[in-house]
């Protein structure tokens, strides 16, 4: 091999190494461009009067609790949790990204100020974004999103694991006492959970699911309201990694809150069955087939 040839070989190796590093960096800093909601141009600035939404204090209280209950877990996994509290940003959305070993949640004030957003609903949004980092399989396919749990999976994680832990710190009996709860959700929670505390967590999660489903309906300008009693009957023939339709997303929250797997049961990045409910073993609580296809983790 000549001296010139050797130089070319080393130059090629260096180029491959550089491209490999750039590729890795692109993956680690990849933002979930679609966000929690489909892309939209709605802006709700600070001070704009709306009938509903949550206050800045409630916004921060929710995010404080997410940080408190998950900070140590994230550190044990070798990562750092960073929540960008963008209260002054009018964007009606939320997103997640990974930067090196940092799990980033971008939480916007515009979404918090939307009239459909409740404390429960905002907590679900935060749990969904956290779920992109920690929700296990199924992952978004392709190198651009291989670190992230897909959209339906993050929805499922929100009620299967995160909200149960989040709401466990509240007096749920007192919060739910005088509320008009959905009868379908109430009956399902009662049938699934004989333990009162588990049942109350299930019911509180139903409020969260309905809040964000109403938000989807408003932004998509849909005439038909999402309802726990009208599940999406469609079945996909391959995994849908993107945002499912409104009713399908509500069905996913419903499934997560009805699953009898414990909050403490860990999930797997490769086996969707671990720590969750799945067909045909479980009569209730499995990921809905309107987005989930069991042929791919």
C-alpha atoms as a PDB file:
ATOM      1  CA  UNK A   1       0.000   0.000   0.000  1.00  0.00           C
ATOM      2  CA  UNK A   2       1.488   3.383  -0.985  1.00  0.00           C
ATOM      3  CA  UNK A   3       1.813   6.347   1.352  1.00  0.00           C
ATOM      4  CA  UNK A   4      -0.900   8.165  -0.637  1.00  0.00           C
ATOM      5  CA  UNK A   5      -3.279   5.208  -0.315  1.00  0.00           C
ATOM      6  CA  UNK A   6      -2.691   5.001   3.437  1.00  0.00           C
ATOM      7  CA  UNK A   7      -3.473   8.708   3.787  1.00  0.00           C
ATOM      8  CA  UNK A   8      -6.712   8.254   1.863  1.00  0.00           C
ATOM      9  CA  UNK A   9      -7.722   5.315   4.063  1.00  0.00           C
ATOM     10  CA  UNK A  10      -7.142   7.301   7.269  1.00  0.00           C
ATOM     11  CA  UNK A  11      -9.029  10.259   5.813  1.00  0.00           C
ATOM     12  CA  UNK A  12     -11.946   7.964   4.992  1.00  0.00           C
ATOM     13  CA  UNK A  13     -11.960   6.502   8.500  1.00  0.00           C
ATOM     14  CA  UNK A  14     -11.935  10.007   9.989  1.00  0.00           C
ATOM     15  CA  UNK A  15     -14.848  11.035   7.748  1.00  0.00           C
ATOM     16  CA  UNK A  16     -16.872   7.969   8.763  1.00  0.00           C
ATOM     17  CA  UNK A  17     -16.132   8.648  12.441  1.00  0.00           C
ATOM     18  CA  UNK A  18     -17.211  12.269  12.037  1.00  0.00           C
ATOM     19  CA  UNK A  19     -20.410  11.299  10.247  1.00  0.00           C
ATOM     20  CA  UNK A  20     -21.081   8.690  12.925  1.00  0.00           C
ATOM     21  CA  UNK A  21     -20.704  11.311  15.664  1.00  0.00           C
ATOM     22  CA  UNK A  22     -22.953  13.747  13.790  1.00  0.00           C
ATOM     23  CA  UNK A  23     -25.550  11.002  13.301  1.00  0.00           C
ATOM     24  CA  UNK A  24     -25.485  10.153  17.011  1.00  0.00           C
ATOM     25  CA  UNK A  25     -25.777  13.824  17.973  1.00  0.00           C
ATOM     26  CA  UNK A  26     -28.758  14.266  15.652  1.00  0.00           C
ATOM     27  CA  UNK A  27     -30.530  11.339  17.294  1.00  0.00           C
ATOM     28  CA  UNK A  28     -29.854  12.548  20.837  1.00  0.00           C
ATOM     29  CA  UNK A  29     -31.068  16.070  20.110  1.00  0.00           C
ATOM     30  CA  UNK A  30     -34.051  15.010  18.043  1.00  0.00           C
ATOM     31  CA  UNK A  31     -37.215  16.883  19.008  1.00  0.00           C
ATOM     32  CA  UNK A  32     -40.552  15.160  18.636  1.00  0.00           C
ATOM     33  CA  UNK A  33     -41.641  17.640  16.006  1.00  0.00           C
ATOM     34  CA  UNK A  34     -45.322  16.719  16.138  1.00  0.00           C
ATOM     35  CA  UNK A  35     -45.589  17.631  19.814  1.00  0.00           C
ATOM     36  CA  UNK A  36     -48.387  16.488  22.120  1.00  0.00           C
ATOM     37  CA  UNK A  37     -50.962  17.954  19.735  1.00  0.00           C
ATOM     38  CA  UNK A  38     -50.996  17.970  15.958  1.00  0.00           C
ATOM     39  CA  UNK A  39     -49.243  21.050  14.594  1.00  0.00           C
ATOM     40  CA  UNK A  40     -51.454  24.107  14.980  1.00  0.00           C
ATOM     41  CA  UNK A  41     -51.235  27.893  14.719  1.00  0.00           C
ATOM     42  CA  UNK A  42     -53.321  28.715  17.788  1.00  0.00           C
ATOM     43  CA  UNK A  43     -51.650  31.122  20.216  1.00  0.00           C
ATOM     44  CA  UNK A  44     -52.965  31.990  23.677  1.00  0.00           C
ATOM     45  CA  UNK A  45     -50.769  34.730  25.162  1.00  0.00           C
ATOM     46  CA  UNK A  46     -50.589  35.669  28.825  1.00  0.00           C
ATOM     47  CA  UNK A  47     -53.475  37.953  29.748  1.00  0.00           C
ATOM     48  CA  UNK A  48     -55.872  36.800  27.050  1.00  0.00           C
ATOM     49  CA  UNK A  49     -59.220  36.146  28.720  1.00  0.00           C
ATOM     50  CA  UNK A  50     -60.423  32.565  28.385  1.00  0.00           C
ATOM     51  CA  UNK A  51     -63.122  30.739  30.314  1.00  0.00           C
ATOM     52  CA  UNK A  52     -61.055  27.895  31.696  1.00  0.00           C
ATOM     53  CA  UNK A  53     -57.447  26.849  31.658  1.00  0.00           C
ATOM     54  CA  UNK A  54     -55.124  26.792  34.667  1.00  0.00           C
ATOM     55  CA  UNK A  55     -53.157  29.481  36.473  1.00  0.00           C
ATOM     56  CA  UNK A  56     -49.402  29.993  36.428  1.00  0.00           C
ATOM     57  CA  UNK A  57     -49.222  28.691  39.977  1.00  0.00           C
ATOM     58  CA  UNK A  58     -51.110  25.520  39.032  1.00  0.00           C
ATOM     59  CA  UNK A  59     -48.866  25.169  35.956  1.00  0.00           C
ATOM     60  CA  UNK A  60     -45.775  25.232  38.178  1.00  0.00           C
ATOM     61  CA  UNK A  61     -47.323  23.062  40.890  1.00  0.00           C
ATOM     62  CA  UNK A  62     -47.922  20.260  38.371  1.00  0.00           C
ATOM     63  CA  UNK A  63     -44.380  20.470  37.022  1.00  0.00           C
ATOM     64  CA  UNK A  64     -42.908  20.693  40.538  1.00  0.00           C
ATOM     65  CA  UNK A  65     -44.591  17.410  41.404  1.00  0.00           C
ATOM     66  CA  UNK A  66     -43.429  15.692  38.210  1.00  0.00           C
ATOM     67  CA  UNK A  67     -39.857  16.733  39.034  1.00  0.00           C
ATOM     68  CA  UNK A  68     -40.160  15.624  42.651  1.00  0.00           C
ATOM     69  CA  UNK A  69     -41.541  12.153  42.001  1.00  0.00           C
ATOM     70  CA  UNK A  70     -39.332  11.280  39.015  1.00  0.00           C
ATOM     71  CA  UNK A  71     -36.043  13.126  39.466  1.00  0.00           C
ATOM     72  CA  UNK A  72     -34.371  10.311  41.419  1.00  0.00           C
ATOM     73  CA  UNK A  73     -35.667   7.610  39.064  1.00  0.00           C
ATOM     74  CA  UNK A  74     -34.227   9.469  36.081  1.00  0.00           C
ATOM     75  CA  UNK A  75     -30.884   9.919  37.843  1.00  0.00           C
ATOM     76  CA  UNK A  76     -30.716   6.218  38.693  1.00  0.00           C
ATOM     77  CA  UNK A  77     -31.116   5.523  34.982  1.00  0.00           C
ATOM     78  CA  UNK A  78     -28.061   7.710  34.304  1.00  0.00           C
ATOM     79  CA  UNK A  79     -30.028  10.691  32.976  1.00  0.00           C
ATOM     80  CA  UNK A  80     -31.028  14.172  34.073  1.00  0.00           C
ATOM     81  CA  UNK A  81     -34.568  15.549  33.908  1.00  0.00           C
ATOM     82  CA  UNK A  82     -35.010  19.097  32.609  1.00  0.00           C
ATOM     83  CA  UNK A  83     -38.428  20.745  32.370  1.00  0.00           C
ATOM     84  CA  UNK A  84     -38.574  23.956  30.372  1.00  0.00           C
ATOM     85  CA  UNK A  85     -41.391  25.983  31.963  1.00  0.00           C
ATOM     86  CA  UNK A  86     -42.430  28.198  29.083  1.00  0.00           C
ATOM     87  CA  UNK A  87     -45.390  29.929  30.738  1.00  0.00           C
ATOM     88  CA  UNK A  88     -45.035  33.112  28.676  1.00  0.00           C
ATOM     89  CA  UNK A  89     -44.932  31.205  25.391  1.00  0.00           C
ATOM     90  CA  UNK A  90     -48.395  31.266  23.724  1.00  0.00           C
ATOM     91  CA  UNK A  91     -47.869  27.944  21.896  1.00  0.00           C
ATOM     92  CA  UNK A  92     -50.716  25.491  22.407  1.00  0.00           C
ATOM     93  CA  UNK A  93     -48.636  22.341  22.540  1.00  0.00           C
ATOM     94  CA  UNK A  94     -45.911  20.471  24.434  1.00  0.00           C
ATOM     95  CA  UNK A  95     -42.932  18.417  23.298  1.00  0.00           C
ATOM     96  CA  UNK A  96     -40.072  16.196  24.380  1.00  0.00           C
ATOM     97  CA  UNK A  97     -36.476  15.957  23.232  1.00  0.00           C
ATOM     98  CA  UNK A  98     -33.290  14.238  24.283  1.00  0.00           C
ATOM     99  CA  UNK A  99     -29.977  16.089  24.559  1.00  0.00           C
ATOM    100  CA  UNK A 100     -27.156  13.728  25.464  1.00  0.00           C
ATOM    101  CA  UNK A 101     -28.180  12.241  28.812  1.00  0.00           C
ATOM    102  CA  UNK A 102     -30.792  14.914  29.472  1.00  0.00           C
ATOM    103  CA  UNK A 103     -34.512  14.171  29.207  1.00  0.00           C
ATOM    104  CA  UNK A 104     -36.148  17.437  28.182  1.00  0.00           C
ATOM    105  CA  UNK A 105     -39.832  18.350  28.502  1.00  0.00           C
ATOM    106  CA  UNK A 106     -41.039  21.561  26.845  1.00  0.00           C
ATOM    107  CA  UNK A 107     -44.226  22.738  28.534  1.00  0.00           C
ATOM    108  CA  UNK A 108     -45.941  25.790  27.029  1.00  0.00           C
ATOM    109  CA  UNK A 109     -48.221  28.268  28.741  1.00  0.00           C
ATOM    110  CA  UNK A 110     -50.505  28.523  25.734  1.00  0.00           C
ATOM    111  CA  UNK A 111     -51.661  24.937  26.220  1.00  0.00           C
ATOM    112  CA  UNK A 112     -52.151  25.496  29.954  1.00  0.00           C
ATOM    113  CA  UNK A 113     -54.354  28.526  29.238  1.00  0.00           C
ATOM    114  CA  UNK A 114     -56.654  26.715  26.788  1.00  0.00           C
ATOM    115  CA  UNK A 115     -60.213  26.549  28.097  1.00  0.00           C
ATOM    116  CA  UNK A 116     -60.294  22.731  27.877  1.00  0.00           C
ATOM    117  CA  UNK A 117     -57.203  22.311  30.062  1.00  0.00           C
ATOM    118  CA  UNK A 118     -57.711  21.282  33.687  1.00  0.00           C
ATOM    119  CA  UNK A 119     -55.141  20.440  36.333  1.00  0.00           C
ATOM    120  CA  UNK A 120     -55.756  16.755  35.592  1.00  0.00           C
ATOM    121  CA  UNK A 121     -55.448  17.322  31.861  1.00  0.00           C
ATOM    122  CA  UNK A 122     -52.220  19.302  32.175  1.00  0.00           C
ATOM    123  CA  UNK A 123     -50.751  16.611  34.409  1.00  0.00           C
ATOM    124  CA  UNK A 124     -51.584  14.070  31.705  1.00  0.00           C
ATOM    125  CA  UNK A 125     -49.784  16.194  29.088  1.00  0.00           C
ATOM    126  CA  UNK A 126     -46.668  16.339  31.287  1.00  0.00           C
ATOM    127  CA  UNK A 127     -46.903  12.585  31.864  1.00  0.00           C
ATOM    128  CA  UNK A 128     -47.228  11.992  28.112  1.00  0.00           C
ATOM    129  CA  UNK A 129     -44.054  13.965  27.383  1.00  0.00           C
ATOM    130  CA  UNK A 130     -42.236  12.179  30.200  1.00  0.00           C
ATOM    131  CA  UNK A 131     -43.557   8.951  28.701  1.00  0.00           C
ATOM    132  CA  UNK A 132     -41.735   9.576  25.434  1.00  0.00           C
ATOM    133  CA  UNK A 133     -38.524   9.134  27.456  1.00  0.00           C
ATOM    134  CA  UNK A 134     -39.651   6.388  29.849  1.00  0.00           C
ATOM    135  CA  UNK A 135     -42.709   4.662  28.365  1.00  0.00           C
ATOM    136  CA  UNK A 136     -40.887   1.646  26.960  1.00  0.00           C
ATOM    137  CA  UNK A 137     -41.980  -0.250  23.852  1.00  0.00           C
ATOM    138  CA  UNK A 138     -43.224   0.403  21.258  1.00  0.00           C
ATOM    139  CA  UNK A 139     -40.563   2.861  20.144  1.00  0.00           C
ATOM    140  CA  UNK A 140     -40.820   5.195  17.171  1.00  0.00           C
ATOM    141  CA  UNK A 141     -39.373   3.294  14.219  1.00  0.00           C
ATOM    142  CA  UNK A 142     -36.358   4.588  12.321  1.00  0.00           C
ATOM    143  CA  UNK A 143     -33.082   6.126  13.468  1.00  0.00           C
ATOM    144  CA  UNK A 144     -34.563   9.610  13.948  1.00  0.00           C
ATOM    145  CA  UNK A 145     -36.789   8.529  16.800  1.00  0.00           C
ATOM    146  CA  UNK A 146     -35.361   5.281  18.131  1.00  0.00           C
ATOM    147  CA  UNK A 147     -34.967   6.670  21.658  1.00  0.00           C
ATOM    148  CA  UNK A 148     -38.600   7.674  22.005  1.00  0.00           C
ATOM    149  CA  UNK A 149     -41.749   5.765  22.911  1.00  0.00           C
ATOM    150  CA  UNK A 150     -44.281   6.418  20.155  1.00  0.00           C
ATOM    151  CA  UNK A 151     -47.329   8.688  20.525  1.00  0.00           C
ATOM    152  CA  UNK A 152     -49.836   6.001  21.462  1.00  0.00           C
ATOM    153  CA  UNK A 153     -47.325   4.442  23.829  1.00  0.00           C
ATOM    154  CA  UNK A 154     -46.734   7.778  25.590  1.00  0.00           C
ATOM    155  CA  UNK A 155     -50.520   8.214  25.929  1.00  0.00           C
ATOM    156  CA  UNK A 156     -50.789   4.728  27.427  1.00  0.00           C
ATOM    157  CA  UNK A 157     -47.909   5.338  29.838  1.00  0.00           C
ATOM    158  CA  UNK A 158     -49.541   8.535  31.092  1.00  0.00           C
ATOM    159  CA  UNK A 159     -52.490   6.726  32.680  1.00  0.00           C
ATOM    160  CA  UNK A 160     -50.890   3.300  33.162  1.00  0.00           C
ATOM    161  CA  UNK A 161     -48.004   4.568  35.299  1.00  0.00           C
ATOM    162  CA  UNK A 162     -47.434   8.303  35.617  1.00  0.00           C
ATOM    163  CA  UNK A 163     -50.828   9.663  36.678  1.00  0.00           C
ATOM    164  CA  UNK A 164     -51.269   6.887  39.232  1.00  0.00           C
ATOM    165  CA  UNK A 165     -48.111   8.044  40.957  1.00  0.00           C
ATOM    166  CA  UNK A 166     -48.952  11.716  40.471  1.00  0.00           C
ATOM    167  CA  UNK A 167     -52.495  11.514  41.883  1.00  0.00           C
ATOM    168  CA  UNK A 168     -51.464   9.202  44.737  1.00  0.00           C
ATOM    169  CA  UNK A 169     -50.335  12.287  46.682  1.00  0.00           C
ATOM    170  CA  UNK A 170     -53.862  13.802  46.670  1.00  0.00           C
ATOM    171  CA  UNK A 171     -57.027  13.244  48.677  1.00  0.00           C
ATOM    172  CA  UNK A 172     -58.836  11.873  45.656  1.00  0.00           C
ATOM    173  CA  UNK A 173     -61.998  10.994  47.551  1.00  0.00           C
ATOM    174  CA  UNK A 174     -62.446  14.625  48.536  1.00  0.00           C
ATOM    175  CA  UNK A 175     -61.585  15.917  45.045  1.00  0.00           C
ATOM    176  CA  UNK A 176     -64.056  13.570  43.340  1.00  0.00           C
ATOM    177  CA  UNK A 177     -66.798  13.777  45.969  1.00  0.00           C
ATOM    178  CA  UNK A 178     -69.125  16.296  44.302  1.00  0.00           C
ATOM    179  CA  UNK A 179     -68.103  15.842  40.673  1.00  0.00           C
ATOM    180  CA  UNK A 180     -70.365  14.510  37.928  1.00  0.00           C
ATOM    181  CA  UNK A 181     -68.225  11.599  36.715  1.00  0.00           C
ATOM    182  CA  UNK A 182     -68.681   9.816  33.414  1.00  0.00           C
ATOM    183  CA  UNK A 183     -70.942   6.794  34.095  1.00  0.00           C
ATOM    184  CA  UNK A 184     -69.101   4.505  31.670  1.00  0.00           C
ATOM    185  CA  UNK A 185     -65.744   5.327  33.218  1.00  0.00           C
ATOM    186  CA  UNK A 186     -67.162   5.038  36.727  1.00  0.00           C
ATOM    187  CA  UNK A 187     -68.652   1.599  36.086  1.00  0.00           C
ATOM    188  CA  UNK A 188     -65.460   0.340  34.466  1.00  0.00           C
ATOM    189  CA  UNK A 189     -63.241   1.598  37.301  1.00  0.00           C
ATOM    190  CA  UNK A 190     -65.530   0.014  39.898  1.00  0.00           C
ATOM    191  CA  UNK A 191     -65.579  -3.318  38.076  1.00  0.00           C
ATOM    192  CA  UNK A 192     -61.816  -3.373  37.542  1.00  0.00           C
ATOM    193  CA  UNK A 193     -60.571  -2.215  40.948  1.00  0.00           C
ATOM    194  CA  UNK A 194     -62.131  -3.564  44.177  1.00  0.00           C
ATOM    195  CA  UNK A 195     -59.523  -1.619  46.161  1.00  0.00           C
ATOM    196  CA  UNK A 196     -60.841   1.889  46.873  1.00  0.00           C
ATOM    197  CA  UNK A 197     -57.557   3.731  46.385  1.00  0.00           C
ATOM    198  CA  UNK A 198     -56.951   2.057  43.018  1.00  0.00           C
ATOM    199  CA  UNK A 199     -60.511   2.870  41.994  1.00  0.00           C
ATOM    200  CA  UNK A 200     -60.121   6.532  42.961  1.00  0.00           C
ATOM    201  CA  UNK A 201     -56.906   6.799  40.924  1.00  0.00           C
ATOM    202  CA  UNK A 202     -58.743   5.285  37.968  1.00  0.00           C
ATOM    203  CA  UNK A 203     -61.591   7.805  38.296  1.00  0.00           C
ATOM    204  CA  UNK A 204     -59.242  10.766  38.623  1.00  0.00           C
ATOM    205  CA  UNK A 205     -57.442   9.634  35.483  1.00  0.00           C
ATOM    206  CA  UNK A 206     -60.770   9.604  33.652  1.00  0.00           C
ATOM    207  CA  UNK A 207     -61.038  13.365  34.291  1.00  0.00           C
ATOM    208  CA  UNK A 208     -57.579  13.835  32.793  1.00  0.00           C
ATOM    209  CA  UNK A 209     -58.381  11.763  29.706  1.00  0.00           C
ATOM    210  CA  UNK A 210     -61.629  13.599  29.055  1.00  0.00           C
ATOM    211  CA  UNK A 211     -59.943  16.995  29.460  1.00  0.00           C
ATOM    212  CA  UNK A 212     -57.308  16.393  26.798  1.00  0.00           C
ATOM    213  CA  UNK A 213     -59.763  14.593  24.495  1.00  0.00           C
ATOM    214  CA  UNK A 214     -61.923  17.720  24.628  1.00  0.00           C
ATOM    215  CA  UNK A 215     -58.817  19.721  23.758  1.00  0.00           C
ATOM    216  CA  UNK A 216     -58.171  17.515  20.710  1.00  0.00           C
ATOM    217  CA  UNK A 217     -61.777  17.936  19.601  1.00  0.00           C
ATOM    218  CA  UNK A 218     -61.597  21.724  19.923  1.00  0.00           C
ATOM    219  CA  UNK A 219     -58.347  22.064  17.981  1.00  0.00           C
ATOM    220  CA  UNK A 220     -59.469  19.663  15.246  1.00  0.00           C
ATOM    221  CA  UNK A 221     -62.906  21.335  15.099  1.00  0.00           C
ATOM    222  CA  UNK A 222     -64.615  17.950  15.296  1.00  0.00           C
ATOM    223  CA  UNK A 223     -68.399  17.801  15.547  1.00  0.00           C
ATOM    224  CA  UNK A 224     -68.501  14.497  17.425  1.00  0.00           C
ATOM    225  CA  UNK A 225     -67.444  14.586  21.058  1.00  0.00           C
ATOM    226  CA  UNK A 226     -65.058  11.828  22.247  1.00  0.00           C
ATOM    227  CA  UNK A 227     -66.741   9.525  24.732  1.00  0.00           C
ATOM    228  CA  UNK A 228     -65.681   6.611  26.923  1.00  0.00           C
ATOM    229  CA  UNK A 229     -68.707   4.682  25.676  1.00  0.00           C
ATOM    230  CA  UNK A 230     -67.962   4.973  21.937  1.00  0.00           C
ATOM    231  CA  UNK A 231     -64.602   3.254  21.321  1.00  0.00           C
ATOM    232  CA  UNK A 232     -62.853   3.472  17.963  1.00  0.00           C
ATOM    233  CA  UNK A 233     -63.525   0.158  16.195  1.00  0.00           C
ATOM    234  CA  UNK A 234     -60.796   0.451  13.589  1.00  0.00           C
ATOM    235  CA  UNK A 235     -57.827  -1.942  13.651  1.00  0.00           C
ATOM    236  CA  UNK A 236     -54.495  -1.029  12.089  1.00  0.00           C
ATOM    237  CA  UNK A 237     -52.536  -3.505   9.999  1.00  0.00           C
ATOM    238  CA  UNK A 238     -49.217  -1.985  11.085  1.00  0.00           C
ATOM    239  CA  UNK A 239     -48.037   0.144  14.008  1.00  0.00           C
ATOM    240  CA  UNK A 240     -49.066   3.793  13.928  1.00  0.00           C
ATOM    241  CA  UNK A 241     -46.294   5.828  15.546  1.00  0.00           C
ATOM    242  CA  UNK A 242     -48.016   9.169  14.930  1.00  0.00           C
ATOM    243  CA  UNK A 243     -50.926  10.856  16.713  1.00  0.00           C
ATOM    244  CA  UNK A 244     -53.995   8.604  16.649  1.00  0.00           C
ATOM    245  CA  UNK A 245     -57.447  10.062  16.108  1.00  0.00           C
ATOM    246  CA  UNK A 246     -59.216  11.769  19.015  1.00  0.00           C
ATOM    247  CA  UNK A 247     -61.462   8.864  20.051  1.00  0.00           C
ATOM    248  CA  UNK A 248     -58.559   6.441  19.715  1.00  0.00           C
ATOM    249  CA  UNK A 249     -56.440   8.553  22.062  1.00  0.00           C
ATOM    250  CA  UNK A 250     -59.244   8.654  24.635  1.00  0.00           C
ATOM    251  CA  UNK A 251     -59.530   4.858  24.283  1.00  0.00           C
ATOM    252  CA  UNK A 252     -55.802   4.627  25.042  1.00  0.00           C
ATOM    253  CA  UNK A 253     -56.132   6.670  28.224  1.00  0.00           C
ATOM    254  CA  UNK A 254     -59.093   4.476  29.196  1.00  0.00           C
ATOM    255  CA  UNK A 255     -57.053   1.316  28.610  1.00  0.00           C
ATOM    256  CA  UNK A 256     -54.110   2.590  30.649  1.00  0.00           C
ATOM    257  CA  UNK A 257     -56.258   3.532  33.616  1.00  0.00           C
ATOM    258  CA  UNK A 258     -58.074   0.151  33.580  1.00  0.00           C
ATOM    259  CA  UNK A 259     -54.938  -1.992  33.346  1.00  0.00           C
ATOM    260  CA  UNK A 260     -54.379  -4.007  36.528  1.00  0.00           C
ATOM    261  CA  UNK A 261     -50.580  -3.975  36.176  1.00  0.00           C
ATOM    262  CA  UNK A 262     -49.081  -2.140  39.150  1.00  0.00           C
ATOM    263  CA  UNK A 263     -47.483   1.271  38.809  1.00  0.00           C
ATOM    264  CA  UNK A 264     -44.334  -0.228  40.332  1.00  0.00           C
ATOM    265  CA  UNK A 265     -43.991  -2.885  37.600  1.00  0.00           C
ATOM    266  CA  UNK A 266     -41.229  -1.755  35.282  1.00  0.00           C
ATOM    267  CA  UNK A 267     -41.646  -1.404  31.526  1.00  0.00           C
ATOM    268  CA  UNK A 268     -39.270  -2.707  28.865  1.00  0.00           C
ATOM    269  CA  UNK A 269     -37.794  -0.942  25.855  1.00  0.00           C
ATOM    270  CA  UNK A 270     -38.081  -4.139  23.820  1.00  0.00           C
ATOM    271  CA  UNK A 271     -41.012  -6.135  25.212  1.00  0.00           C
ATOM    272  CA  UNK A 272     -44.333  -4.258  25.247  1.00  0.00           C
ATOM    273  CA  UNK A 273     -45.916  -6.938  27.454  1.00  0.00           C
ATOM    274  CA  UNK A 274     -43.684  -6.319  30.458  1.00  0.00           C
ATOM    275  CA  UNK A 275     -45.350  -4.195  33.145  1.00  0.00           C
ATOM    276  CA  UNK A 276     -48.543  -3.688  31.131  1.00  0.00           C
ATOM    277  CA  UNK A 277     -51.743  -5.385  29.950  1.00  0.00           C
ATOM    278  CA  UNK A 278     -51.973  -7.224  26.652  1.00  0.00           C
ATOM    279  CA  UNK A 279     -54.297  -9.434  24.652  1.00  0.00           C
ATOM    280  CA  UNK A 280     -55.334 -12.190  24.894  1.00  0.00           C
ATOM    281  CA  UNK A 281     -54.270 -12.415  28.558  1.00  0.00           C
ATOM    282  CA  UNK A 282     -56.185  -9.361  29.775  1.00  0.00           C
ATOM    283  CA  UNK A 283     -59.860  -8.673  29.234  1.00  0.00           C
ATOM    284  CA  UNK A 284     -59.330  -4.944  29.786  1.00  0.00           C
ATOM    285  CA  UNK A 285     -56.408  -2.550  29.717  1.00  0.00           C
ATOM    286  CA  UNK A 286     -54.582  -3.652  26.555  1.00  0.00           C
ATOM    287  CA  UNK A 287     -53.347  -1.011  24.097  1.00  0.00           C
ATOM    288  CA  UNK A 288     -56.134  -0.277  21.567  1.00  0.00           C
ATOM    289  CA  UNK A 289     -55.778  -1.754  18.106  1.00  0.00           C
ATOM    290  CA  UNK A 290     -56.816   1.571  16.541  1.00  0.00           C
ATOM    291  CA  UNK A 291     -53.086   2.460  16.701  1.00  0.00           C
ATOM    292  CA  UNK A 292     -51.281  -0.542  18.203  1.00  0.00           C
ATOM    293  CA  UNK A 293     -50.151  -3.522  16.149  1.00  0.00           C
ATOM    294  CA  UNK A 294     -48.680  -6.374  18.212  1.00  0.00           C
ATOM    295  CA  UNK A 295     -46.416  -7.543  15.408  1.00  0.00           C
ATOM    296  CA  UNK A 296     -43.836  -4.868  16.216  1.00  0.00           C
ATOM    297  CA  UNK A 297     -42.314  -3.747  19.514  1.00  0.00           C
END
